[in-house]
PDB file of N, CA and C in Angstrom:
ATOM      1  N   PHE A   1     108.363 124.154 145.592  1.00  0.00           N
ATOM      2  CA  PHE A   1     107.569 124.583 146.713  1.00  0.00           C
ATOM      3  C   PHE A   1     106.228 125.053 146.183  1.00  0.00           C
ATOM      4  N   THR A   2     105.140 124.663 146.844  1.00  0.00           N
ATOM      5  CA  THR A   2     103.797 125.045 146.426  1.00  0.00           C
ATOM      6  C   THR A   2     103.236 126.065 147.401  1.00  0.00           C
ATOM      7  N   PHE A   3     102.931 127.256 146.893  1.00  0.00           N
ATOM      8  CA  PHE A   3     102.317 128.290 147.722  1.00  0.00           C
ATOM      9  C   PHE A   3     100.825 128.029 147.878  1.00  0.00           C
ATOM     10  N   THR A   4     100.156 127.826 146.752  1.00  0.00           N
ATOM     11  CA  THR A   4      98.728 127.481 146.723  1.00  0.00           C
ATOM     12  C   THR A   4      98.562 126.391 145.675  1.00  0.00           C
ATOM     13  N   THR A   5      97.327 125.965 145.441  1.00  0.00           N
ATOM     14  CA  THR A   5      97.101 124.924 144.430  1.00  0.00           C
ATOM     15  C   THR A   5      97.346 125.445 143.020  1.00  0.00           C
ATOM     16  N   THR A   6      97.398 126.764 142.856  1.00  0.00           N
ATOM     17  CA  THR A   6      97.602 127.334 141.519  1.00  0.00           C
ATOM     18  C   THR A   6      98.944 128.051 141.353  1.00  0.00           C
ATOM     19  N   LEU A   7      99.735 128.134 142.413  1.00  0.00           N
ATOM     20  CA  LEU A   7     101.009 128.861 142.352  1.00  0.00           C
ATOM     21  C   LEU A   7     102.122 128.016 142.969  1.00  0.00           C
ATOM     22  N   SER A   8     103.172 127.769 142.181  1.00  0.00           N
ATOM     23  CA  SER A   8     104.300 126.974 142.687  1.00  0.00           C
ATOM     24  C   SER A   8     105.604 127.510 142.103  1.00  0.00           C
ATOM     25  N   ILE A   9     106.699 127.133 142.758  1.00  0.00           N
ATOM     26  CA  ILE A   9     108.036 127.528 142.300  1.00  0.00           C
ATOM     27  C   ILE A   9     108.969 126.325 142.440  1.00  0.00           C
ATOM     28  N   GLN A  10     109.853 126.181 141.471  1.00  0.00           N
ATOM     29  CA  GLN A  10     110.876 125.138 141.506  1.00  0.00           C
ATOM     30  C   GLN A  10     112.226 125.803 141.271  1.00  0.00           C
ATOM     31  N   ALA A  11     113.232 125.370 142.006  1.00  0.00           N
ATOM     32  CA  ALA A  11     114.578 125.922 141.848  1.00  0.00           C
ATOM     33  C   ALA A  11     115.586 124.778 141.801  1.00  0.00           C
ATOM     34  N   TYR A  12     116.644 124.997 141.032  1.00  0.00           N
ATOM     35  CA  TYR A  12     117.680 123.989 140.849  1.00  0.00           C
ATOM     36  C   TYR A  12     119.016 124.705 140.737  1.00  0.00           C
ATOM     37  N   ALA A  13     120.003 124.228 141.438  1.00  0.00           N
ATOM     38  CA  ALA A  13     121.352 124.809 141.365  1.00  0.00           C
ATOM     39  C   ALA A  13     122.371 123.685 141.228  1.00  0.00           C
ATOM     40  N   GLN A  14     123.397 123.943 140.442  1.00  0.00           N
ATOM     41  CA  GLN A  14     124.436 122.946 140.188  1.00  0.00           C
ATOM     42  C   GLN A  14     125.792 123.649 140.233  1.00  0.00           C
ATOM     43  N   VAL A  15     126.690 123.158 141.081  1.00  0.00           N
ATOM     44  CA  VAL A  15     128.013 123.758 141.258  1.00  0.00           C
ATOM     45  C   VAL A  15     129.070 122.801 140.717  1.00  0.00           C
ATOM     46  N   PHE A  16     130.017 123.345 139.966  1.00  0.00           N
ATOM     47  CA  PHE A  16     131.160 122.580 139.472  1.00  0.00           C
ATOM     48  C   PHE A  16     132.431 123.243 139.991  1.00  0.00           C
ATOM     49  N   LEU A  17     133.299 122.467 140.617  1.00  0.00           N
ATOM     50  CA  LEU A  17     134.576 122.968 141.135  1.00  0.00           C
ATOM     51  C   LEU A  17     135.683 122.032 140.666  1.00  0.00           C
ATOM     52  N   ALA A  18     136.748 122.603 140.125  1.00  0.00           N
ATOM     53  CA  ALA A  18     137.882 121.785 139.693  1.00  0.00           C
ATOM     54  C   ALA A  18     139.169 122.570 139.898  1.00  0.00           C
ATOM     55  N   SER A  19     140.159 121.915 140.487  1.00  0.00           N
ATOM     56  CA  SER A  19     141.490 122.507 140.641  1.00  0.00           C
ATOM     57  C   SER A  19     142.525 121.441 140.321  1.00  0.00           C
ATOM     58  N   VAL A  20     143.548 121.838 139.589  1.00  0.00           N
ATOM     59  CA  VAL A  20     144.607 120.904 139.204  1.00  0.00           C
ATOM     60  C   VAL A  20     145.951 121.543 139.534  1.00  0.00           C
ATOM     61  N   ASP A  21     146.765 120.808 140.283  1.00  0.00           N
ATOM     62  CA  ASP A  21     148.121 121.243 140.627  1.00  0.00           C
ATOM     63  C   ASP A  21     149.074 120.154 140.153  1.00  0.00           C
ATOM     64  N   TYR A  22     149.848 120.451 139.128  1.00  0.00           N
ATOM     65  CA  TYR A  22     150.735 119.444 138.554  1.00  0.00           C
ATOM     66  C   TYR A  22     151.995 119.221 139.366  1.00  0.00           C
ATOM     67  N   GLY A  23     152.318 120.114 140.273  1.00  0.00           N
ATOM     68  CA  GLY A  23     153.473 119.923 141.139  1.00  0.00           C
ATOM     69  C   GLY A  23     154.788 120.154 140.421  1.00  0.00           C
ATOM     70  N   GLN A  24     155.847 119.691 141.062  1.00  0.00           N
ATOM     71  CA  GLN A  24     157.195 119.905 140.534  1.00  0.00           C
ATOM     72  C   GLN A  24     157.473 118.938 139.387  1.00  0.00           C
ATOM     73  N   LYS A  25     158.137 119.443 138.377  1.00  0.00           N
ATOM     74  CA  LYS A  25     158.506 118.602 137.240  1.00  0.00           C
ATOM     75  C   LYS A  25     159.759 117.810 137.606  1.00  0.00           C
ATOM     76  N   MET A  26     159.720 116.529 137.286  1.00  0.00           N
ATOM     77  CA  MET A  26     160.838 115.650 137.614  1.00  0.00           C
ATOM     78  C   MET A  26     161.398 115.043 136.331  1.00  0.00           C
ATOM     79  N   LEU A  27     162.665 114.751 136.367  1.00  0.00           N
ATOM     80  CA  LEU A  27     163.367 114.196 135.220  1.00  0.00           C
ATOM     81  C   LEU A  27     163.909 112.828 135.598  1.00  0.00           C
ATOM     82  N   GLY A  28     163.610 111.856 134.761  1.00  0.00           N
ATOM     83  CA  GLY A  28     164.118 110.511 134.996  1.00  0.00           C
ATOM     84  C   GLY A  28     165.250 110.193 134.033  1.00  0.00           C
ATOM     85  N   ILE A  29     166.325 109.675 134.569  1.00  0.00           N
ATOM     86  CA  ILE A  29     167.462 109.284 133.737  1.00  0.00           C
ATOM     87  C   ILE A  29     167.344 107.786 133.499  1.00  0.00           C
ATOM     88  N   PRO A  30     167.157 107.382 132.249  1.00  0.00           N
ATOM     89  CA  PRO A  30     166.937 105.959 131.980  1.00  0.00           C
ATOM     90  C   PRO A  30     168.167 105.109 132.286  1.00  0.00           C
ATOM     91  N   ASP A  31     167.887 103.954 132.838  1.00  0.00           N
ATOM     92  CA  ASP A  31     168.927 102.965 133.115  1.00  0.00           C
ATOM     93  C   ASP A  31     168.599 101.780 132.210  1.00  0.00           C
ATOM     94  N   GLY A  32     169.099 101.836 131.007  1.00  0.00           N
ATOM     95  CA  GLY A  32     168.719 100.827 130.032  1.00  0.00           C
ATOM     96  C   GLY A  32     167.326 101.162 129.512  1.00  0.00           C
ATOM     97  N   SER A  33     166.389 100.256 129.706  1.00  0.00           N
ATOM     98  CA  SER A  33     165.021 100.482 129.235  1.00  0.00           C
ATOM     99  C   SER A  33     164.079 100.858 130.369  1.00  0.00           C
ATOM    100  N   ARG A  34     164.611 101.105 131.568  1.00  0.00           N
ATOM    101  CA  ARG A  34     163.770 101.418 132.725  1.00  0.00           C
ATOM    102  C   ARG A  34     164.108 102.793 133.280  1.00  0.00           C
ATOM    103  N   ILE A  35     163.083 103.423 133.840  1.00  0.00           N
ATOM    104  CA  ILE A  35     163.275 104.664 134.589  1.00  0.00           C
ATOM    105  C   ILE A  35     162.852 104.365 136.017  1.00  0.00           C
ATOM    106  N   HIS A  36     163.759 104.523 136.948  1.00  0.00           N
ATOM    107  CA  HIS A  36     163.476 104.227 138.349  1.00  0.00           C
ATOM    108  C   HIS A  36     162.905 105.471 139.018  1.00  0.00           C
ATOM    109  N   THR A  37     161.743 105.336 139.609  1.00  0.00           N
ATOM    110  CA  THR A  37     161.089 106.497 140.228  1.00  0.00           C
ATOM    111  C   THR A  37     161.810 106.972 141.480  1.00  0.00           C
ATOM    112  N   ASP A  38     162.593 106.121 142.107  1.00  0.00           N
ATOM    113  CA  ASP A  38     163.325 106.565 143.298  1.00  0.00           C
ATOM    114  C   ASP A  38     164.579 107.367 142.932  1.00  0.00           C
ATOM    115  N   ARG A  39     164.900 107.444 141.646  1.00  0.00           N
ATOM    116  CA  ARG A  39     166.068 108.203 141.206  1.00  0.00           C
ATOM    117  C   ARG A  39     165.687 109.442 140.381  1.00  0.00           C
ATOM    118  N   LEU A  40     164.470 109.906 140.521  1.00  0.00           N
ATOM    119  CA  LEU A  40     164.045 111.097 139.785  1.00  0.00           C
ATOM    120  C   LEU A  40     164.720 112.331 140.351  1.00  0.00           C
ATOM    121  N   GLU A  41     165.059 113.251 139.472  1.00  0.00           N
ATOM    122  CA  GLU A  41     165.700 114.496 139.876  1.00  0.00           C
ATOM    123  C   GLU A  41     164.838 115.663 139.406  1.00  0.00           C
ATOM    124  N   PRO A  42     164.859 116.774 140.157  1.00  0.00           N
ATOM    125  CA  PRO A  42     164.079 117.940 139.718  1.00  0.00           C
ATOM    126  C   PRO A  42     164.534 118.413 138.337  1.00  0.00           C
ATOM    127  N   ALA A  43     163.575 118.668 137.475  1.00  0.00           N
ATOM    128  CA  ALA A  43     163.878 119.148 136.128  1.00  0.00           C
ATOM    129  C   ALA A  43     164.050 120.658 136.145  1.00  0.00           C
ATOM    130  N   LEU A  44     164.642 121.164 135.092  1.00  0.00           N
ATOM    131  CA  LEU A  44     164.802 122.600 134.943  1.00  0.00           C
ATOM    132  C   LEU A  44     163.419 123.233 134.871  1.00  0.00           C
ATOM    133  N   ASP A  45     163.158 124.209 135.741  1.00  0.00           N
ATOM    134  CA  ASP A  45     161.844 124.847 135.766  1.00  0.00           C
ATOM    135  C   ASP A  45     161.772 125.877 134.649  1.00  0.00           C
ATOM    136  N   LEU A  46     160.908 125.634 133.698  1.00  0.00           N
ATOM    137  CA  LEU A  46     160.773 126.521 132.546  1.00  0.00           C
ATOM    138  C   LEU A  46     159.650 127.535 132.736  1.00  0.00           C
ATOM    139  N   SER A  47     159.123 127.640 133.926  1.00  0.00           N
ATOM    140  CA  SER A  47     158.046 128.561 134.296  1.00  0.00           C
ATOM    141  C   SER A  47     156.805 128.417 133.424  1.00  0.00           C
ATOM    142  N   ASP A  48     156.596 127.263 132.860  1.00  0.00           N
ATOM    143  CA  ASP A  48     155.352 126.998 132.141  1.00  0.00           C
ATOM    144  C   ASP A  48     154.448 126.193 133.068  1.00  0.00           C
ATOM    145  N   ASP A  49     153.744 126.899 133.893  1.00  0.00           N
ATOM    146  CA  ASP A  49     152.906 126.299 134.920  1.00  0.00           C
ATOM    147  C   ASP A  49     151.506 126.084 134.352  1.00  0.00           C
ATOM    148  N   TYR A  50     151.052 124.848 134.335  1.00  0.00           N
ATOM    149  CA  TYR A  50     149.755 124.520 133.757  1.00  0.00           C
ATOM    150  C   TYR A  50     148.672 124.326 134.817  1.00  0.00           C
ATOM    151  N   ASP A  51     148.917 124.727 136.054  1.00  0.00           N
ATOM    152  CA  ASP A  51     147.923 124.595 137.118  1.00  0.00           C
ATOM    153  C   ASP A  51     146.730 125.494 136.809  1.00  0.00           C
ATOM    154  N   PHE A  52     145.544 125.080 137.274  1.00  0.00           N
ATOM    155  CA  PHE A  52     144.360 125.907 137.053  1.00  0.00           C
ATOM    156  C   PHE A  52     143.271 125.557 138.053  1.00  0.00           C
ATOM    157  N   SER A  53     142.308 126.466 138.157  1.00  0.00           N
ATOM    158  CA  SER A  53     141.086 126.259 138.933  1.00  0.00           C
ATOM    159  C   SER A  53     139.918 126.770 138.102  1.00  0.00           C
ATOM    160  N   ASP A  54     138.875 125.974 138.006  1.00  0.00           N
ATOM    161  CA  ASP A  54     137.656 126.353 137.288  1.00  0.00           C
ATOM    162  C   ASP A  54     136.477 126.202 138.231  1.00  0.00           C
ATOM    163  N   THR A  55     135.589 127.175 138.215  1.00  0.00           N
ATOM    164  CA  THR A  55     134.401 127.151 139.051  1.00  0.00           C
ATOM    165  C   THR A  55     133.213 127.568 138.200  1.00  0.00           C
ATOM    166  N   ALA A  56     132.095 126.873 138.351  1.00  0.00           N
ATOM    167  CA  ALA A  56     130.885 127.228 137.604  1.00  0.00           C
ATOM    168  C   ALA A  56     129.661 126.967 138.470  1.00  0.00           C
ATOM    169  N   LEU A  57     128.653 127.801 138.280  1.00  0.00           N
ATOM    170  CA  LEU A  57     127.380 127.663 138.982  1.00  0.00           C
ATOM    171  C   LEU A  57     126.265 127.884 137.976  1.00  0.00           C
ATOM    172  N   ASN A  58     125.340 126.936 137.899  1.00  0.00           N
ATOM    173  CA  ASN A  58     124.160 127.047 137.040  1.00  0.00           C
ATOM    174  C   ASN A  58     122.918 127.049 137.919  1.00  0.00           C
ATOM    175  N   ILE A  59     122.029 128.001 137.674  1.00  0.00           N
ATOM    176  CA  ILE A  59     120.803 128.142 138.464  1.00  0.00           C
ATOM    177  C   ILE A  59     119.610 128.195 137.517  1.00  0.00           C
ATOM    178  N   SER A  60     118.553 127.474 137.861  1.00  0.00           N
ATOM    179  CA  SER A  60     117.293 127.542 137.120  1.00  0.00           C
ATOM    180  C   SER A  60     116.154 127.656 138.115  1.00  0.00           C
ATOM    181  N   THR A  61     115.226 128.548 137.826  1.00  0.00           N
ATOM    182  CA  THR A  61     114.060 128.745 138.679  1.00  0.00           C
ATOM    183  C   THR A  61     112.831 128.885 137.787  1.00  0.00           C
ATOM    184  N   VAL A  62     111.751 128.179 138.139  1.00  0.00           N
ATOM    185  CA  VAL A  62     110.506 128.231 137.376  1.00  0.00           C
ATOM    186  C   VAL A  62     109.367 128.583 138.319  1.00  0.00           C
ATOM    187  N   LEU A  63     108.648 129.646 137.982  1.00  0.00           N
ATOM    188  CA  LEU A  63     107.439 130.036 138.703  1.00  0.00           C
ATOM    189  C   LEU A  63     106.259 129.673 137.814  1.00  0.00           C
ATOM    190  N   ARG A  64     105.321 128.889 138.348  1.00  0.00           N
ATOM    191  CA  ARG A  64     104.163 128.410 137.578  1.00  0.00           C
ATOM    192  C   ARG A  64     102.896 128.902 138.259  1.00  0.00           C
ATOM    193  N   TRP A  65     102.056 129.599 137.475  1.00  0.00           N
ATOM    194  CA  TRP A  65     100.802 130.128 138.015  1.00  0.00           C
ATOM    195  C   TRP A  65      99.661 129.741 137.083  1.00  0.00           C
ATOM    196  N   GLU A  66      98.687 129.043 137.610  1.00  0.00           N
ATOM    197  CA  GLU A  66      97.489 128.684 136.848  1.00  0.00           C
ATOM    198  C   GLU A  66      96.434 129.750 137.143  1.00  0.00           C
ATOM    199  N   TYR A  67      96.383 130.774 136.289  1.00  0.00           N
ATOM    200  CA  TYR A  67      95.515 131.922 136.546  1.00  0.00           C
ATOM    201  C   TYR A  67      94.054 131.650 136.214  1.00  0.00           C
ATOM    202  N   LEU A  68      93.783 130.713 135.326  1.00  0.00           N
ATOM    203  CA  LEU A  68      92.445 130.194 135.043  1.00  0.00           C
ATOM    204  C   LEU A  68      92.587 128.687 134.898  1.00  0.00           C
ATOM    205  N   PRO A  69      91.533 127.913 135.126  1.00  0.00           N
ATOM    206  CA  PRO A  69      91.665 126.458 134.967  1.00  0.00           C
ATOM    207  C   PRO A  69      92.182 126.096 133.571  1.00  0.00           C
ATOM    208  N   GLY A  70      93.323 125.429 133.528  1.00  0.00           N
ATOM    209  CA  GLY A  70      93.937 125.014 132.269  1.00  0.00           C
ATOM    210  C   GLY A  70      94.790 126.074 131.598  1.00  0.00           C
ATOM    211  N   SER A  71      94.794 127.298 132.105  1.00  0.00           N
ATOM    212  CA  SER A  71      95.584 128.389 131.527  1.00  0.00           C
ATOM    213  C   SER A  71      96.753 128.703 132.464  1.00  0.00           C
ATOM    214  N   LEU A  72      97.954 128.741 131.906  1.00  0.00           N
ATOM    215  CA  LEU A  72      99.157 128.832 132.740  1.00  0.00           C
ATOM    216  C   LEU A  72     100.057 129.988 132.325  1.00  0.00           C
ATOM    217  N   LEU A  73     100.751 130.514 133.323  1.00  0.00           N
ATOM    218  CA  LEU A  73     101.817 131.483 133.114  1.00  0.00           C
ATOM    219  C   LEU A  73     103.079 130.891 133.731  1.00  0.00           C
ATOM    220  N   TYR A  74     104.136 130.788 132.917  1.00  0.00           N
ATOM    221  CA  TYR A  74     105.435 130.317 133.391  1.00  0.00           C
ATOM    222  C   TYR A  74     106.410 131.487 133.345  1.00  0.00           C
ATOM    223  N   LEU A  75     107.151 131.669 134.410  1.00  0.00           N
ATOM    224  CA  LEU A  75     108.224 132.652 134.460  1.00  0.00           C
ATOM    225  C   LEU A  75     109.490 131.884 134.823  1.00  0.00           C
ATOM    226  N   VAL A  76     110.485 131.917 133.931  1.00  0.00           N
ATOM    227  CA  VAL A  76     111.692 131.100 134.082  1.00  0.00           C
ATOM    228  C   VAL A  76     112.918 132.011 134.134  1.00  0.00           C
ATOM    229  N   TYR A  77     113.766 131.800 135.144  1.00  0.00           N
ATOM    230  CA  TYR A  77     115.052 132.488 135.237  1.00  0.00           C
ATOM    231  C   TYR A  77     116.155 131.437 135.162  1.00  0.00           C
ATOM    232  N   THR A  78     117.146 131.713 134.328  1.00  0.00           N
ATOM    233  CA  THR A  78     118.321 130.849 134.220  1.00  0.00           C
ATOM    234  C   THR A  78     119.564 131.723 134.339  1.00  0.00           C
ATOM    235  N   GLY A  79     120.449 131.332 135.243  1.00  0.00           N
ATOM    236  CA  GLY A  79     121.697 132.064 135.431  1.00  0.00           C
ATOM    237  C   GLY A  79     122.882 131.127 135.340  1.00  0.00           C
ATOM    238  N   SER A  80     123.942 131.607 134.724  1.00  0.00           N
ATOM    239  CA  SER A  80     125.169 130.830 134.588  1.00  0.00           C
ATOM    240  C   SER A  80     126.338 131.719 134.999  1.00  0.00           C
ATOM    241  N   PHE A  81     127.136 131.244 135.937  1.00  0.00           N
ATOM    242  CA  PHE A  81     128.272 132.001 136.458  1.00  0.00           C
ATOM    243  C   PHE A  81     129.523 131.136 136.335  1.00  0.00           C
ATOM    244  N   SER A  82     130.651 131.735 135.933  1.00  0.00           N
ATOM    245  CA  SER A  82     131.895 130.964 135.846  1.00  0.00           C
ATOM    246  C   SER A  82     133.082 131.858 136.188  1.00  0.00           C
ATOM    247  N   PHE A  83     134.116 131.224 136.751  1.00  0.00           N
ATOM    248  CA  PHE A  83     135.349 131.925 137.103  1.00  0.00           C
ATOM    249  C   PHE A  83     136.502 130.955 136.916  1.00  0.00           C
ATOM    250  N   ASP A  84     137.506 131.387 136.164  1.00  0.00           N
ATOM    251  CA  ASP A  84     138.687 130.564 135.899  1.00  0.00           C
ATOM    252  C   ASP A  84     139.927 131.338 136.320  1.00  0.00           C
ATOM    253  N   GLN A  85     140.909 130.619 136.846  1.00  0.00           N
ATOM    254  CA  GLN A  85     142.182 131.250 137.185  1.00  0.00           C
ATOM    255  C   GLN A  85     143.321 130.289 136.872  1.00  0.00           C
ATOM    256  N   ASP A  86     144.512 130.847 136.729  1.00  0.00           N
ATOM    257  CA  ASP A  86     145.678 130.074 136.299  1.00  0.00           C
ATOM    258  C   ASP A  86     146.509 129.539 137.448  1.00  0.00           C
ATOM    259  N   VAL A  87     145.944 129.442 138.627  1.00  0.00           N
ATOM    260  CA  VAL A  87     146.628 128.840 139.771  1.00  0.00           C
ATOM    261  C   VAL A  87     145.704 127.796 140.379  1.00  0.00           C
ATOM    262  N   ALA A  88     146.286 126.801 140.998  1.00  0.00           N
ATOM    263  CA  ALA A  88     145.494 125.772 141.667  1.00  0.00           C
ATOM    264  C   ALA A  88     145.104 126.282 143.044  1.00  0.00           C
ATOM    265  N   ASP A  89     143.812 126.364 143.299  1.00  0.00           N
ATOM    266  CA  ASP A  89     143.305 126.834 144.585  1.00  0.00           C
ATOM    267  C   ASP A  89     142.315 125.795 145.092  1.00  0.00           C
ATOM    268  N   PHE A  90     142.676 125.108 146.164  1.00  0.00           N
ATOM    269  CA  PHE A  90     141.828 124.045 146.694  1.00  0.00           C
ATOM    270  C   PHE A  90     140.943 124.527 147.834  1.00  0.00           C
ATOM    271  N   ARG A  91     140.896 125.834 148.068  1.00  0.00           N
ATOM    272  CA  ARG A  91     139.998 126.402 149.074  1.00  0.00           C
ATOM    273  C   ARG A  91     138.700 126.750 148.355  1.00  0.00           C
ATOM    274  N   PHE A  92     137.716 125.877 148.456  1.00  0.00           N
ATOM    275  CA  PHE A  92     136.521 126.028 147.637  1.00  0.00           C
ATOM    276  C   PHE A  92     135.622 127.173 148.085  1.00  0.00           C
ATOM    277  N   GLY A  93     135.724 127.624 149.327  1.00  0.00           N
ATOM    278  CA  GLY A  93     134.949 128.781 149.772  1.00  0.00           C
ATOM    279  C   GLY A  93     135.285 130.028 148.971  1.00  0.00           C
ATOM    280  N   PRO A  94     136.579 130.407 148.885  1.00  0.00           N
ATOM    281  CA  PRO A  94     136.936 131.570 148.059  1.00  0.00           C
ATOM    282  C   PRO A  94     136.612 131.376 146.578  1.00  0.00           C
ATOM    283  N   LEU A  95     136.701 130.143 146.072  1.00  0.00           N
ATOM    284  CA  LEU A  95     136.359 129.913 144.668  1.00  0.00           C
ATOM    285  C   LEU A  95     134.899 130.237 144.411  1.00  0.00           C
ATOM    286  N   LEU A  96     134.018 129.858 145.324  1.00  0.00           N
ATOM    287  CA  LEU A  96     132.601 130.165 145.155  1.00  0.00           C
ATOM    288  C   LEU A  96     132.360 131.666 145.249  1.00  0.00           C
ATOM    289  N   ALA A  97     133.079 132.347 146.133  1.00  0.00           N
ATOM    290  CA  ALA A  97     132.924 133.801 146.254  1.00  0.00           C
ATOM    291  C   ALA A  97     133.410 134.516 144.991  1.00  0.00           C
ATOM    292  N   ASP A  98     134.392 133.951 144.293  1.00  0.00           N
ATOM    293  CA  ASP A  98     134.921 134.567 143.073  1.00  0.00           C
ATOM    294  C   ASP A  98     133.958 134.479 141.895  1.00  0.00           C
ATOM    295  N   LEU A  99     132.907 133.681 142.005  1.00  0.00           N
ATOM    296  CA  LEU A  99     131.948 133.565 140.909  1.00  0.00           C
ATOM    297  C   LEU A  99     131.324 134.908 140.550  1.00  0.00           C
ATOM    298  N   LEU A 100     131.171 135.787 141.527  1.00  0.00           N
ATOM    299  CA  LEU A 100     130.568 137.092 141.259  1.00  0.00           C
ATOM    300  C   LEU A 100     131.480 137.978 140.418  1.00  0.00           C
ATOM    301  N   GLU A 101     132.790 137.697 140.408  1.00  0.00           N
ATOM    302  CA  GLU A 101     133.739 138.484 139.624  1.00  0.00           C
ATOM    303  C   GLU A 101     133.916 137.949 138.206  1.00  0.00           C
ATOM    304  N   GLY A 102     133.501 136.724 137.958  1.00  0.00           N
ATOM    305  CA  GLY A 102     133.721 136.103 136.658  1.00  0.00           C
ATOM    306  C   GLY A 102     132.624 136.423 135.660  1.00  0.00           C
ATOM    307  N   GLU A 103     132.627 135.663 134.581  1.00  0.00           N
ATOM    308  CA  GLU A 103     131.631 135.836 133.529  1.00  0.00           C
ATOM    309  C   GLU A 103     130.280 135.311 134.003  1.00  0.00           C
ATOM    310  N   SER A 104     129.217 135.951 133.527  1.00  0.00           N
ATOM    311  CA  SER A 104     127.880 135.480 133.882  1.00  0.00           C
ATOM    312  C   SER A 104     126.913 135.785 132.750  1.00  0.00           C
ATOM    313  N   SER A 105     125.856 135.010 132.700  1.00  0.00           N
ATOM    314  CA  SER A 105     124.769 135.284 131.761  1.00  0.00           C
ATOM    315  C   SER A 105     123.454 135.040 132.487  1.00  0.00           C
ATOM    316  N   HIS A 106     122.479 135.862 132.172  1.00  0.00           N
ATOM    317  CA  HIS A 106     121.174 135.794 132.820  1.00  0.00           C
ATOM    318  C   HIS A 106     120.101 135.788 131.736  1.00  0.00           C
ATOM    319  N   VAL A 107     119.115 134.913 131.894  1.00  0.00           N
ATOM    320  CA  VAL A 107     118.016 134.828 130.936  1.00  0.00           C
ATOM    321  C   VAL A 107     116.717 134.783 131.717  1.00  0.00           C
ATOM    322  N   LEU A 108     115.764 135.612 131.311  1.00  0.00           N
ATOM    323  CA  LEU A 108     114.432 135.621 131.903  1.00  0.00           C
ATOM    324  C   LEU A 108     113.434 135.383 130.777  1.00  0.00           C
ATOM    325  N   MET A 109     112.617 134.332 130.922  1.00  0.00           N
ATOM    326  CA  MET A 109     111.654 133.967 129.883  1.00  0.00           C
ATOM    327  C   MET A 109     110.261 133.887 130.491  1.00  0.00           C
ATOM    328  N   MET A 110     109.263 134.138 129.644  1.00  0.00           N
ATOM    329  CA  MET A 110     107.883 134.025 130.087  1.00  0.00           C
ATOM    330  C   MET A 110     107.089 133.280 129.019  1.00  0.00           C
ATOM    331  N   LYS A 111     106.229 132.380 129.480  1.00  0.00           N
ATOM    332  CA  LYS A 111     105.349 131.651 128.574  1.00  0.00           C
ATOM    333  C   LYS A 111     103.934 131.787 129.117  1.00  0.00           C
ATOM    334  N   LEU A 112     103.030 132.158 128.249  1.00  0.00           N
ATOM    335  CA  LEU A 112     101.637 132.341 128.632  1.00  0.00           C
ATOM    336  C   LEU A 112     100.787 131.433 127.762  1.00  0.00           C
ATOM    337  N   SER A 113      99.981 130.603 128.383  1.00  0.00           N
ATOM    338  CA  SER A 113      99.074 129.741 127.622  1.00  0.00           C
ATOM    339  C   SER A 113      97.645 129.981 128.096  1.00  0.00           C
ATOM    340  N   TYR A 114      96.725 129.894 127.153  1.00  0.00           N
ATOM    341  CA  TYR A 114      95.316 130.141 127.469  1.00  0.00           C
ATOM    342  C   TYR A 114      94.492 128.995 126.904  1.00  0.00           C
ATOM    343  N   LEU A 115      93.630 128.438 127.733  1.00  0.00           N
ATOM    344  CA  LEU A 115      92.772 127.330 127.305  1.00  0.00           C
ATOM    345  C   LEU A 115      91.478 127.898 126.739  1.00  0.00           C
ATOM    346  N   TRP A 116      91.248 127.644 125.446  1.00  0.00           N
ATOM    347  CA  TRP A 116      90.013 128.084 124.799  1.00  0.00           C
ATOM    348  C   TRP A 116      88.940 127.030 125.028  1.00  0.00           C
ATOM    349  N   ASP A 117      87.772 127.479 125.393  1.00  0.00           N
ATOM    350  CA  ASP A 117      86.652 126.534 125.597  1.00  0.00           C
ATOM    351  C   ASP A 117      85.899 126.295 124.326  1.00  0.00           C
TER     352      ASP A 117
END
């Protein structure tokens, strides 16, 4: 977005959502060299559940100001947010809300350039 000819801002956001539910473990009894899928039986549940949900959000924002012709000031913010849990959750609204409870990192940088005549 351009405020004036010398002041502008750019923003970028990227969301990653992943959930995996492995479901019930099934056991196949071989009939010779084949396992028939219509004869699968529930396996003994060993409570080793590998389901998970991962959520991540990356944000970048750049403010650019040309304070003199050819001389620039850049102000850059970068944020990274992530939240992981050991259950499969396919409700993506709550997953996005949980980002505030997870790990995050914030970086603020400034670059100043001056054009010498």
